[in-house]
Protein backbone atom coordinates (compact mmCIF):
# COMPACT_ATOMS: atom_id res chain seq x y z
CA ARG A 1 -22.49 7.14 -31.72
CA VAL A 2 -19.63 4.94 -30.94
CA ALA A 3 -20.81 2.36 -33.33
CA ARG A 4 -21.59 4.45 -36.36
CA ARG A 5 -18.28 5.63 -35.88
CA VAL A 6 -16.65 2.46 -35.76
CA ALA A 7 -18.93 1.26 -38.90
CA ALA A 8 -18.18 4.25 -40.91
CA ALA A 9 -14.10 3.92 -40.23
CA SER A 10 -14.15 0.43 -41.16
CA ALA A 11 -15.59 0.87 -44.51
CA GLY A 12 -12.17 3.02 -45.37
CA PRO A 13 -9.41 1.90 -47.96
CA PRO A 14 -9.29 -1.97 -48.61
CA SER A 15 -6.68 -3.71 -46.45
CA SER A 16 -5.26 -7.11 -46.21
CA LEU A 17 -6.46 -7.54 -42.48
CA PRO A 18 -10.23 -7.97 -41.85
CA PRO A 19 -12.56 -5.21 -40.34
CA PRO A 20 -12.36 -4.80 -36.85
CA SER A 21 -14.75 -6.89 -34.73
CA VAL A 22 -15.89 -4.07 -32.21
CA VAL A 23 -19.21 -4.41 -30.25
CA VAL A 24 -20.71 -1.27 -28.28
CA THR A 25 -22.39 -1.50 -25.45
CA ALA A 26 -24.02 1.03 -22.66
CA VAL A 27 -23.43 -0.19 -19.26
CA HIS A 28 -25.41 1.84 -16.41
CA PRO A 29 -24.14 0.31 -12.93
CA GLY A 30 -27.22 1.61 -11.09
CA GLU A 31 -26.97 3.51 -8.09
CA VAL A 32 -23.90 3.05 -6.47
CA ALA A 33 -22.75 4.36 -2.94
CA THR A 34 -19.32 5.85 -4.08
CA ASN A 35 -17.00 8.52 -2.37
CA VAL A 36 -18.94 11.23 -4.21
CA VAL A 37 -19.71 13.01 -0.92
CA ARG A 38 -16.15 13.21 0.52
CA SER A 39 -15.84 16.80 0.08
CA LEU A 40 -19.02 17.45 2.29
CA PRO A 41 -18.98 18.14 5.90
CA ALA A 42 -18.24 15.21 8.08
CA TRP A 43 -21.78 15.03 9.27
CA MET A 44 -23.26 15.41 5.78
CA VAL A 45 -21.09 12.56 4.80
CA ALA A 46 -22.53 10.33 7.62
CA ALA A 47 -25.82 10.80 7.17
CA TYR A 48 -25.54 10.10 3.68
CA ARG A 49 -23.79 6.78 4.29
CA ALA A 50 -26.16 5.65 7.26
CA LEU A 51 -29.26 6.77 4.94
CA MET A 52 -28.18 5.67 1.44
CA GLY A 53 -25.89 3.16 2.40
CA ALA A 54 -29.22 0.77 2.88
CA VAL A 55 -30.45 1.44 -0.15
CA LEU A 56 -27.48 1.92 -2.47
CA LEU A 57 -25.07 -0.94 -4.60
CA THR A 58 -22.01 -1.07 -3.24
CA PRO A 59 -19.09 -0.29 -5.55
CA ALA A 60 -18.17 -3.79 -6.26
CA GLN A 61 -21.93 -4.75 -6.76
CA GLY A 62 -22.32 -1.51 -9.33
CA ALA A 63 -19.21 -2.87 -11.14
CA ARG A 64 -21.24 -5.95 -12.03
CA SER A 65 -23.06 -5.15 -15.48
CA ALA A 66 -19.52 -3.63 -16.90
CA VAL A 67 -17.64 -6.97 -15.88
CA TRP A 68 -20.65 -8.94 -17.26
CA ALA A 69 -20.39 -6.74 -20.73
CA ALA A 70 -16.77 -7.15 -21.20
CA THR A 71 -16.62 -10.60 -20.56
CA THR A 72 -19.72 -11.97 -22.06
CA PRO A 73 -18.61 -14.45 -25.30
CA SER A 74 -18.54 -12.60 -28.57
CA GLY A 75 -19.81 -9.20 -26.58
CA PRO A 76 -23.33 -9.18 -25.35
CA ALA A 77 -24.74 -7.33 -28.19
CA ALA A 78 -23.14 -9.24 -31.03
CA ALA A 79 -26.38 -11.50 -31.85
CA ASP A 80 -28.48 -8.22 -31.85
CA PRO A 81 -26.86 -4.70 -32.31
CA ALA A 82 -30.10 -3.03 -31.20
CA LEU A 83 -29.29 -4.55 -27.89
CA CYS A 84 -26.64 -2.27 -26.83
CA TYR A 85 -27.49 -1.54 -23.33
CA SER A 86 -27.08 -3.14 -20.37
CA GLY A 87 -28.49 -1.94 -16.94
CA PRO A 88 -27.28 -2.94 -13.25
CA GLU A 89 -29.61 -6.50 -13.35
CA CYS A 90 -27.00 -7.29 -16.23
CA ALA A 91 -29.50 -8.05 -19.28
CA LEU A 92 -29.59 -6.16 -22.47
CA ALA A 93 -32.13 -4.21 -23.15
CA ARG A 94 -32.75 -1.39 -26.36
CA PRO A 95 -32.27 1.86 -25.17
CA ALA A 96 -34.57 4.79 -24.90
CA LYS A 97 -35.93 6.30 -28.20
CA ASP A 98 -33.90 9.78 -27.47
CA ALA A 99 -31.03 7.79 -27.53
CA LEU A 100 -31.25 6.18 -31.16
CA ASP A 101 -32.12 9.93 -32.46
CA PRO A 102 -29.73 10.81 -35.14
CA ALA A 103 -30.43 14.39 -34.92
CA LEU A 104 -30.19 14.35 -30.95
CA GLY A 105 -27.02 12.08 -31.37
CA ARG A 106 -25.69 14.91 -33.22
CA TRP A 107 -26.43 17.58 -31.27
CA LEU A 108 -25.09 15.90 -28.44
CA TRP A 109 -21.80 15.18 -30.28
CA GLY A 110 -21.38 18.92 -31.16
CA TRP A 111 -22.05 19.84 -27.58
CA SER A 112 -19.76 17.69 -26.30
CA VAL A 113 -16.73 18.47 -27.98
CA ALA A 114 -17.70 22.14 -27.24
CA ARG A 115 -17.29 21.45 -23.75
CA VAL A 116 -14.27 19.94 -23.94
CA GLY A 117 -12.53 22.65 -25.29
CA GLY A 118 -12.48 21.48 -29.07
CA VAL A 119 -10.55 18.61 -30.91
CA PRO A 120 -6.96 18.62 -31.01
CA ASP A 121 -4.99 18.75 -34.38
CA GLY A 122 -4.93 15.96 -36.46
CA VAL A 123 -7.67 14.04 -34.46
CA ASP A 124 -11.07 13.27 -36.56
CA LEU A 125 -14.21 13.85 -34.62
CA ALA A 126 -16.70 15.10 -37.04
CA PRO A 127 -20.27 13.70 -36.97
CA VAL A 128 -20.98 10.08 -38.73
CA ALA A 129 -24.36 10.35 -40.37
């Protein structure tokens, strides 16, 4: 969705500046042991950490894919924009079929805008084809 918005914005009126060079990559850090359970009772937090700590990634390990995507020269998907998803193993992949469905994308965009209470004045969040 973001890639389509950037492409549409780049096709605006000509200017003396080159179009922006933006590569959009979705990143999944993997299953990470975060502090999300901090508001649970202490016994639950202890049980969660004891059981899940052995199988979940640490926050530092979970950050690998985001750091990799952000620091790979020219952006990880520059060579093939269809490879716009990076998982916890720091390798590019094609997203799931549903993630590429334009109709589903338009629905999700509208649903998301409605959930955040609409759009502030002067901000263009209209769906891009």
